[in-house]
Amino acid sequence: APPVTEDSYFDEQKLRMENAQLKEELD
């Protein structure tokens, strides 16, 4: 897998936020 860089860390945080929003939308 790609190494964890500063950019990928923020991308992961962004995906977590989007995932939480999608869960709220689903509920």
PDB file of all heavy atoms in Angstrom:
ATOM      1  N   ALA A   1       0.848  -1.198   0.000  1.00  0.00           N
ATOM      2  CA  ALA A   1       0.000   0.000   0.000  1.00  0.00           C
ATOM      3  C   ALA A   1       0.877   1.240   0.000  1.00  0.00           C
ATOM      4  O   ALA A   1       2.056   1.180   0.338  1.00  0.00           O
ATOM      5  CB  ALA A   1      -0.917  -0.002   1.222  1.00  0.00           C
ATOM      6  N   PRO A   2       0.286   2.386  -0.374  1.00  0.00           N
ATOM      7  CA  PRO A   2       1.067   3.630  -0.321  1.00  0.00           C
ATOM      8  C   PRO A   2       1.454   3.943   1.108  1.00  0.00           C
ATOM      9  O   PRO A   2       0.715   3.634   2.056  1.00  0.00           O
ATOM     10  CB  PRO A   2       0.100   4.683  -0.883  1.00  0.00           C
ATOM     11  CG  PRO A   2      -0.913   3.906  -1.640  1.00  0.00           C
ATOM     12  CD  PRO A   2      -1.040   2.600  -0.941  1.00  0.00           C
ATOM     13  N   PRO A   3       2.628   4.544   1.336  1.00  0.00           N
ATOM     14  CA  PRO A   3       3.023   4.899   2.696  1.00  0.00           C
ATOM     15  C   PRO A   3       2.143   5.999   3.256  1.00  0.00           C
ATOM     16  O   PRO A   3       1.559   6.785   2.518  1.00  0.00           O
ATOM     17  CB  PRO A   3       4.470   5.387   2.527  1.00  0.00           C
ATOM     18  CG  PRO A   3       4.532   5.871   1.112  1.00  0.00           C
ATOM     19  CD  PRO A   3       3.616   4.970   0.333  1.00  0.00           C
ATOM     20  N   VAL A   4       2.046   6.052   4.559  1.00  0.00           N
ATOM     21  CA  VAL A   4       1.240   7.069   5.227  1.00  0.00           C
ATOM     22  C   VAL A   4       2.042   8.356   5.285  1.00  0.00           C
ATOM     23  O   VAL A   4       3.060   8.444   5.959  1.00  0.00           O
ATOM     24  CB  VAL A   4       0.840   6.626   6.647  1.00  0.00           C
ATOM     25  CG1 VAL A   4       0.047   7.723   7.330  1.00  0.00           C
ATOM     26  CG2 VAL A   4       0.035   5.343   6.580  1.00  0.00           C
ATOM     27  N   THR A   5       1.596   9.353   4.532  1.00  0.00           N
ATOM     28  CA  THR A   5       2.232  10.659   4.532  1.00  0.00           C
ATOM     29  C   THR A   5       1.304  11.660   5.178  1.00  0.00           C
ATOM     30  O   THR A   5       0.173  11.334   5.549  1.00  0.00           O
ATOM     31  CB  THR A   5       2.566  11.106   3.103  1.00  0.00           C
ATOM     32  OG1 THR A   5       1.336  11.238   2.385  1.00  0.00           O
ATOM     33  CG2 THR A   5       3.464  10.103   2.414  1.00  0.00           C
ATOM     34  N   GLU A   6       1.799  12.903   5.276  1.00  0.00           N
ATOM     35  CA  GLU A   6       0.961  13.948   5.870  1.00  0.00           C
ATOM     36  C   GLU A   6      -0.298  14.152   5.044  1.00  0.00           C
ATOM     37  O   GLU A   6      -1.398  14.256   5.567  1.00  0.00           O
ATOM     38  CB  GLU A   6       1.753  15.252   5.967  1.00  0.00           C
ATOM     39  CG  GLU A   6       1.020  16.347   6.731  1.00  0.00           C
ATOM     40  CD  GLU A   6       1.853  17.613   6.842  1.00  0.00           C
ATOM     41  OE1 GLU A   6       2.758  17.803   6.014  1.00  0.00           O
ATOM     42  OE2 GLU A   6       1.570  18.395   7.752  1.00  0.00           O
ATOM     43  N   ASP A   7      -0.140  14.141   3.700  1.00  0.00           N
ATOM     44  CA  ASP A   7      -1.303  14.337   2.839  1.00  0.00           C
ATOM     45  C   ASP A   7      -2.285  13.188   2.985  1.00  0.00           C
ATOM     46  O   ASP A   7      -3.497  13.388   3.055  1.00  0.00           O
ATOM     47  CB  ASP A   7      -0.858  14.459   1.378  1.00  0.00           C
ATOM     48  CG  ASP A   7      -0.189  15.796   1.117  1.00  0.00           C
ATOM     49  OD1 ASP A   7      -0.312  16.685   1.978  1.00  0.00           O
ATOM     50  OD2 ASP A   7       0.449  15.927   0.055  1.00  0.00           O
ATOM     51  N   SER A   8      -1.749  11.935   3.027  1.00  0.00           N
ATOM     52  CA  SER A   8      -2.661  10.794   3.127  1.00  0.00           C
ATOM     53  C   SER A   8      -3.363  10.786   4.473  1.00  0.00           C
ATOM     54  O   SER A   8      -4.499  10.322   4.589  1.00  0.00           O
ATOM     55  CB  SER A   8      -1.883   9.490   2.916  1.00  0.00           C
ATOM     56  OG  SER A   8      -0.893   9.326   3.915  1.00  0.00           O
ATOM     57  N   TYR A   9      -2.686  11.292   5.518  1.00  0.00           N
ATOM     58  CA  TYR A   9      -3.345  11.378   6.814  1.00  0.00           C
ATOM     59  C   TYR A   9      -4.567  12.279   6.732  1.00  0.00           C
ATOM     60  O   TYR A   9      -5.649  11.924   7.206  1.00  0.00           O
ATOM     61  CB  TYR A   9      -2.373  11.910   7.861  1.00  0.00           C
ATOM     62  CG  TYR A   9      -3.045  12.273   9.180  1.00  0.00           C
ATOM     63  CD1 TYR A   9      -3.421  11.298  10.097  1.00  0.00           C
ATOM     64  CD2 TYR A   9      -3.323  13.611   9.476  1.00  0.00           C
ATOM     65  CE1 TYR A   9      -4.042  11.640  11.283  1.00  0.00           C
ATOM     66  CE2 TYR A   9      -3.938  13.955  10.662  1.00  0.00           C
ATOM     67  CZ  TYR A   9      -4.289  12.955  11.567  1.00  0.00           C
ATOM     68  OH  TYR A   9      -4.915  13.301  12.730  1.00  0.00           O
ATOM     69  N   PHE A  10      -4.399  13.439   6.101  1.00  0.00           N
ATOM     70  CA  PHE A  10      -5.534  14.356   5.986  1.00  0.00           C
ATOM     71  C   PHE A  10      -6.591  13.780   5.049  1.00  0.00           C
ATOM     72  O   PHE A  10      -7.784  14.004   5.248  1.00  0.00           O
ATOM     73  CB  PHE A  10      -5.054  15.728   5.500  1.00  0.00           C
ATOM     74  CG  PHE A  10      -4.447  16.556   6.591  1.00  0.00           C
ATOM     75  CD1 PHE A  10      -3.075  16.569   6.779  1.00  0.00           C
ATOM     76  CD2 PHE A  10      -5.228  17.306   7.450  1.00  0.00           C
ATOM     77  CE1 PHE A  10      -2.505  17.318   7.786  1.00  0.00           C
ATOM     78  CE2 PHE A  10      -4.674  18.060   8.456  1.00  0.00           C
ATOM     79  CZ  PHE A  10      -3.297  18.070   8.635  1.00  0.00           C
ATOM     80  N   ASP A  11      -6.174  13.048   4.006  1.00  0.00           N
ATOM     81  CA  ASP A  11      -7.160  12.396   3.137  1.00  0.00           C
ATOM     82  C   ASP A  11      -7.967  11.380   3.929  1.00  0.00           C
ATOM     83  O   ASP A  11      -9.182  11.254   3.756  1.00  0.00           O
ATOM     84  CB  ASP A  11      -6.452  11.695   1.967  1.00  0.00           C
ATOM     85  CG  ASP A  11      -5.877  12.700   0.978  1.00  0.00           C
ATOM     86  OD1 ASP A  11      -6.340  13.852   1.003  1.00  0.00           O
ATOM     87  OD2 ASP A  11      -4.983  12.325   0.192  1.00  0.00           O
ATOM     88  N   GLU A  12      -7.271  10.640   4.831  1.00  0.00           N
ATOM     89  CA  GLU A  12      -7.976   9.659   5.642  1.00  0.00           C
ATOM     90  C   GLU A  12      -8.968  10.342   6.579  1.00  0.00           C
ATOM     91  O   GLU A  12     -10.101   9.877   6.749  1.00  0.00           O
ATOM     92  CB  GLU A  12      -6.963   8.838   6.440  1.00  0.00           C
ATOM     93  CG  GLU A  12      -7.605   7.751   7.291  1.00  0.00           C
ATOM     94  CD  GLU A  12      -6.575   6.966   8.074  1.00  0.00           C
ATOM     95  OE1 GLU A  12      -5.370   7.178   7.842  1.00  0.00           O
ATOM     96  OE2 GLU A  12      -6.985   6.151   8.922  1.00  0.00           O
ATOM     97  N   GLN A  13      -8.539  11.469   7.178  1.00  0.00           N
ATOM     98  CA  GLN A  13      -9.443  12.199   8.057  1.00  0.00           C
ATOM     99  C   GLN A  13     -10.653  12.713   7.289  1.00  0.00           C
ATOM    100  O   GLN A  13     -11.786  12.676   7.775  1.00  0.00           O
ATOM    101  CB  GLN A  13      -8.702  13.369   8.710  1.00  0.00           C
ATOM    102  CG  GLN A  13      -7.623  12.952   9.703  1.00  0.00           C
ATOM    103  CD  GLN A  13      -8.217  12.129  10.838  1.00  0.00           C
ATOM    104  OE1 GLN A  13      -8.041  10.908  10.885  1.00  0.00           O
ATOM    105  NE2 GLN A  13      -8.929  12.775  11.739  1.00  0.00           N
ATOM    106  N   LYS A  14     -10.414  13.164   6.058  1.00  0.00           N
ATOM    107  CA  LYS A  14     -11.526  13.646   5.227  1.00  0.00           C
ATOM    108  C   LYS A  14     -12.502  12.509   4.932  1.00  0.00           C
ATOM    109  O   LYS A  14     -13.725  12.683   4.985  1.00  0.00           O
ATOM    110  CB  LYS A  14     -10.970  14.238   3.937  1.00  0.00           C
ATOM    111  CG  LYS A  14     -12.037  14.726   2.977  1.00  0.00           C
ATOM    112  CD  LYS A  14     -11.398  15.127   1.669  1.00  0.00           C
ATOM    113  CE  LYS A  14     -12.484  15.370   0.629  1.00  0.00           C
ATOM    114  NZ  LYS A  14     -11.919  15.607  -0.707  1.00  0.00           N
ATOM    115  N   LEU A  15     -11.955  11.314   4.626  1.00  0.00           N
ATOM    116  CA  LEU A  15     -12.823  10.168   4.341  1.00  0.00           C
ATOM    117  C   LEU A  15     -13.626   9.770   5.579  1.00  0.00           C
ATOM    118  O   LEU A  15     -14.796   9.378   5.470  1.00  0.00           O
ATOM    119  CB  LEU A  15     -11.973   8.987   3.860  1.00  0.00           C
ATOM    120  CG  LEU A  15     -11.377   9.123   2.459  1.00  0.00           C
ATOM    121  CD1 LEU A  15     -10.431   7.962   2.165  1.00  0.00           C
ATOM    122  CD2 LEU A  15     -12.479   9.185   1.409  1.00  0.00           C
ATOM    123  N   ARG A  16     -12.997   9.860   6.750  1.00  0.00           N
ATOM    124  CA  ARG A  16     -13.736   9.543   7.974  1.00  0.00           C
ATOM    125  C   ARG A  16     -14.907  10.506   8.166  1.00  0.00           C
ATOM    126  O   ARG A  16     -16.010  10.091   8.556  1.00  0.00           O
ATOM    127  CB  ARG A  16     -12.798   9.617   9.182  1.00  0.00           C
ATOM    128  CG  ARG A  16     -11.752   8.514   9.237  1.00  0.00           C
ATOM    129  CD  ARG A  16     -10.867   8.654  10.477  1.00  0.00           C
ATOM    130  NE  ARG A  16      -9.801   7.681  10.501  1.00  0.00           N
ATOM    131  CZ  ARG A  16      -9.930   6.439  10.981  1.00  0.00           C
ATOM    132  NH1 ARG A  16     -11.103   6.053  11.465  1.00  0.00           N
ATOM    133  NH2 ARG A  16      -8.910   5.612  10.968  1.00  0.00           N
ATOM    134  N   MET A  17     -14.664  11.807   7.899  1.00  0.00           N
ATOM    135  CA  MET A  17     -15.737  12.792   8.044  1.00  0.00           C
ATOM    136  C   MET A  17     -16.850  12.523   7.041  1.00  0.00           C
ATOM    137  O   MET A  17     -18.042  12.584   7.373  1.00  0.00           O
ATOM    138  CB  MET A  17     -15.177  14.198   7.858  1.00  0.00           C
ATOM    139  CG  MET A  17     -14.205  14.628   8.945  1.00  0.00           C
ATOM    140  SD  MET A  17     -13.438  16.228   8.620  1.00  0.00           S
ATOM    141  CE  MET A  17     -14.899  17.270   8.586  1.00  0.00           C
ATOM    142  N   GLU A  18     -16.468  12.221   5.781  1.00  0.00           N
ATOM    143  CA  GLU A  18     -17.485  11.925   4.773  1.00  0.00           C
ATOM    144  C   GLU A  18     -18.267  10.670   5.148  1.00  0.00           C
ATOM    145  O   GLU A  18     -19.482  10.588   4.920  1.00  0.00           O
ATOM    146  CB  GLU A  18     -16.821  11.759   3.409  1.00  0.00           C
ATOM    147  CG  GLU A  18     -16.261  13.058   2.835  1.00  0.00           C
ATOM    148  CD  GLU A  18     -15.624  12.839   1.475  1.00  0.00           C
ATOM    149  OE1 GLU A  18     -15.495  11.661   1.067  1.00  0.00           O
ATOM    150  OE2 GLU A  18     -15.246  13.847   0.843  1.00  0.00           O
ATOM    151  N   ASN A  19     -17.572   9.677   5.728  1.00  0.00           N
ATOM    152  CA  ASN A  19     -18.242   8.447   6.130  1.00  0.00           C
ATOM    153  C   ASN A  19     -19.277   8.721   7.216  1.00  0.00           C
ATOM    154  O   ASN A  19     -20.391   8.184   7.195  1.00  0.00           O
ATOM    155  CB  ASN A  19     -17.198   7.440   6.617  1.00  0.00           C
ATOM    156  CG  ASN A  19     -17.795   6.055   6.843  1.00  0.00           C
ATOM    157  OD1 ASN A  19     -18.664   5.619   6.104  1.00  0.00           O
ATOM    158  ND2 ASN A  19     -17.332   5.372   7.879  1.00  0.00           N
ATOM    159  N   ALA A  20     -18.899   9.583   8.182  1.00  0.00           N
ATOM    160  CA  ALA A  20     -19.847   9.933   9.242  1.00  0.00           C
ATOM    161  C   ALA A  20     -21.062  10.665   8.680  1.00  0.00           C
ATOM    162  O   ALA A  20     -22.203  10.419   9.096  1.00  0.00           O
ATOM    163  CB  ALA A  20     -19.148  10.792  10.299  1.00  0.00           C
ATOM    164  N   GLN A  21     -20.825  11.557   7.698  1.00  0.00           N
ATOM    165  CA  GLN A  21     -21.941  12.274   7.078  1.00  0.00           C
ATOM    166  C   GLN A  21     -22.864  11.312   6.342  1.00  0.00           C
ATOM    167  O   GLN A  21     -24.088  11.444   6.378  1.00  0.00           O
ATOM    168  CB  GLN A  21     -21.407  13.352   6.140  1.00  0.00           C
ATOM    169  CG  GLN A  21     -20.694  14.488   6.847  1.00  0.00           C
ATOM    170  CD  GLN A  21     -20.074  15.470   5.884  1.00  0.00           C
ATOM    171  OE1 GLN A  21     -20.102  15.263   4.677  1.00  0.00           O
ATOM    172  NE2 GLN A  21     -19.513  16.555   6.411  1.00  0.00           N
ATOM    173  N   LEU A  22     -22.259  10.331   5.649  1.00  0.00           N
ATOM    174  CA  LEU A  22     -23.079   9.359   4.919  1.00  0.00           C
ATOM    175  C   LEU A  22     -23.905   8.496   5.873  1.00  0.00           C
ATOM    176  O   LEU A  22     -25.057   8.142   5.571  1.00  0.00           O
ATOM    177  CB  LEU A  22     -22.177   8.477   4.045  1.00  0.00           C
ATOM    178  CG  LEU A  22     -21.542   9.158   2.825  1.00  0.00           C
ATOM    179  CD1 LEU A  22     -20.549   8.226   2.157  1.00  0.00           C
ATOM    180  CD2 LEU A  22     -22.618   9.587   1.836  1.00  0.00           C
ATOM    181  N   LYS A  23     -23.318   8.166   7.032  1.00  0.00           N
ATOM    182  CA  LYS A  23     -24.089   7.392   8.009  1.00  0.00           C
ATOM    183  C   LYS A  23     -25.278   8.191   8.523  1.00  0.00           C
ATOM    184  O   LYS A  23     -26.377   7.655   8.693  1.00  0.00           O
ATOM    185  CB  LYS A  23     -23.176   6.984   9.170  1.00  0.00           C
ATOM    186  CG  LYS A  23     -22.212   5.854   8.817  1.00  0.00           C
ATOM    187  CD  LYS A  23     -21.380   5.435  10.028  1.00  0.00           C
ATOM    188  CE  LYS A  23     -20.469   4.278   9.689  1.00  0.00           C
ATOM    189  NZ  LYS A  23     -19.640   3.858  10.845  1.00  0.00           N
ATOM    190  N   GLU A  24     -25.041   9.491   8.779  1.00  0.00           N
ATOM    191  CA  GLU A  24     -26.154  10.336   9.214  1.00  0.00           C
ATOM    192  C   GLU A  24     -27.220  10.421   8.134  1.00  0.00           C
ATOM    193  O   GLU A  24     -28.423  10.383   8.428  1.00  0.00           O
ATOM    194  CB  GLU A  24     -25.639  11.735   9.554  1.00  0.00           C
ATOM    195  CG  GLU A  24     -24.741  11.775  10.780  1.00  0.00           C
ATOM    196  CD  GLU A  24     -24.215  13.173  11.046  1.00  0.00           C
ATOM    197  OE1 GLU A  24     -24.582  14.089  10.280  1.00  0.00           O
ATOM    198  OE2 GLU A  24     -23.460  13.343  12.004  1.00  0.00           O
ATOM    199  N   GLU A  25     -26.800  10.520   6.878  1.00  0.00           N
ATOM    200  CA  GLU A  25     -27.759  10.568   5.772  1.00  0.00           C
ATOM    201  C   GLU A  25     -28.558   9.275   5.699  1.00  0.00           C
ATOM    202  O   GLU A  25     -29.765   9.273   5.494  1.00  0.00           O
ATOM    203  CB  GLU A  25     -26.999  10.801   4.456  1.00  0.00           C
ATOM    204  CG  GLU A  25     -27.848  10.807   3.197  1.00  0.00           C
ATOM    205  CD  GLU A  25     -28.608  12.111   3.016  1.00  0.00           C
ATOM    206  OE1 GLU A  25     -28.363  13.054   3.786  1.00  0.00           O
ATOM    207  OE2 GLU A  25     -29.445  12.159   2.103  1.00  0.00           O
ATOM    208  N   LEU A  26     -27.871   8.141   5.891  1.00  0.00           N
ATOM    209  CA  LEU A  26     -28.555   6.848   5.852  1.00  0.00           C
ATOM    210  C   LEU A  26     -29.574   6.737   6.972  1.00  0.00           C
ATOM    211  O   LEU A  26     -30.699   6.261   6.772  1.00  0.00           O
ATOM    212  CB  LEU A  26     -27.522   5.723   5.940  1.00  0.00           C
ATOM    213  CG  LEU A  26     -28.087   4.294   5.943  1.00  0.00           C
ATOM    214  CD1 LEU A  26     -28.867   4.021   4.668  1.00  0.00           C
ATOM    215  CD2 LEU A  26     -26.963   3.280   6.094  1.00  0.00           C
ATOM    216  N   ASP A  27     -29.193   7.182   8.183  1.00  0.00           N
ATOM    217  CA  ASP A  27     -30.138   7.133   9.302  1.00  0.00           C
ATOM    218  C   ASP A  27     -31.354   8.010   9.032  1.00  0.00           C
ATOM    219  O   ASP A  27     -32.493   7.638   9.353  1.00  0.00           O
ATOM    220  CB  ASP A  27     -29.448   7.597  10.587  1.00  0.00           C
ATOM    221  CG  ASP A  27     -28.373   6.616  11.046  1.00  0.00           C
ATOM    222  OD1 ASP A  27     -28.411   5.451  10.602  1.00  0.00           O
ATOM    223  OD2 ASP A  27     -27.487   7.033  11.827  1.00  0.00           O
TER     224      ASP A  27
END
